[in-house]
Amino acid sequence: MKALKLDVILLGVVLALVGMGIVIIYSSSAAYAETRHLPQHFYLFNHIKKVILGFTALVIGLSIPYAVWEKLARPMMYVSLAMLAFLVISGSVGQVNGAKRWIFGLQPSEIAKISLIFFMARFLKEKAEGIRDFQKGYLAAWAISGLTFLLILKQPNYSTAATIFAISLIMIFVGGCRISHLFLSALIALPALAALMVSSKYRLQRVMAFLKPEENLASSYQSLQALISLGNGGLWGTGLGTSTQKLGFLPMPFTDTIFSVLGEELGLVGTATCLLLFGLLLWRGLRIANRCAEPFGRLLAVGIIISIAVNVMIHVGVCTKLFPTTGQPLPFLSYGGTSLCVALFAMGVLLNISSAASGTPQWKVSKAASPNISHRMNLALSHRRSRA
């Protein structure tokens, strides 16, 4: 059996982020647990159990050749869609705080997200040049991702729906579609998204809270408290365990607003270190995609790393009030089960792609070896053939 060649930098970054998450989760959850008459270590111990499950999933993703997932992509996608559809039509099953997101402790939207990445990578590889055909290629590529987007939106889960849209858009872009088709889609999608944002009182309140927080204090409470938390931290932070905003002021201090607690206790230095680690993760992921000469593996790497990047962008954007308030965990750091396990599994698959890659940058691979590829993105995320 051929020995695996691990990307030590990528693995080290993942370990560092998970370790940082364990520390901040304990710091931010101890007081929260006490207010609910639970032991201080309750959420910490639960999270460590999920970390163990997550690294088991990482080992599975690393050990199984990524080509196996190409064969399983379709059934995985169909099972995921069935789970999402069940949530939508099942009444109050899996409902927490008005959102239907869980089945037996699992979050189907997270499973659907990774399944869609596998499915899109296989679909775009099979279509190759056919993706340039508007009806049979481009629209067909959006069919499954559009259905996934709508089912997740129906839960409602806007942050994951936005992630699904971004993953699909970038994978189709890298897969070789015509730029004119993307522009046409934007002309249709932007007005539709704007209408969606104001189509319900709940969504409209969040938009108004984002635009005019001083006039919508109830709806803007979370974002304002997150900013206060970050501001309290200053350059060096108040010190581990000394955050005051986690003491009943900051909602979801160890999940949806964990970045703010990190900023309060470790300051700008801590948040910059965290973002630097995610930057390294993005760089390694793009490098792996660039060095993989096989189309499915390359597209899979792109989808995985874009998924992580979009999740980070939404979480940090909400905590810094760049985006309207929405619930989005910070990958590897936030307390969670399905999201953490799926993210670590995805890292295992990415490590497997890295190990299987030839190590030759794609711009040095001959056209005979990769007939449908040319430069599409900077840093050589290549998957198109230029046409005169």
Foldseek 3Di string as FASTA:
>chain_A
DDDFDFPVLLVVLLVVLLVQLLQLLLLLCQLVQVVVVHHSCVLSVVLVVLVVLQLVLLQVLQPDQLVVLLVVLVVLLVVLLVVLVCQLPVPCDCDDPQFRADDPQAGSLLSNLLSLLSNLLNLLLVCQVVLQPVPPHVVVLCPSLVSSLVSCCSSPANLSSVLSVQLSVVLSLQSAYDPVSVVVVCVVVVVVVVCVQPVDPLSVLLVCCLVPVVVNVVQVQQLVLLQVLLVQQAAAAPARSPGPCSNPRHPQCQWLRVLSPQCRHGNPVRNVVNVVSLVSNLLLLLLLLQQALRSSLNSSSSSLNSSLVSLQCVSVCSSNSVDGDGGGGNASNGRGRNRPSSNSSSSSNSRNSSRPGPRDGNVPDDCVSRVAWDARDPVRSIGHDDDD
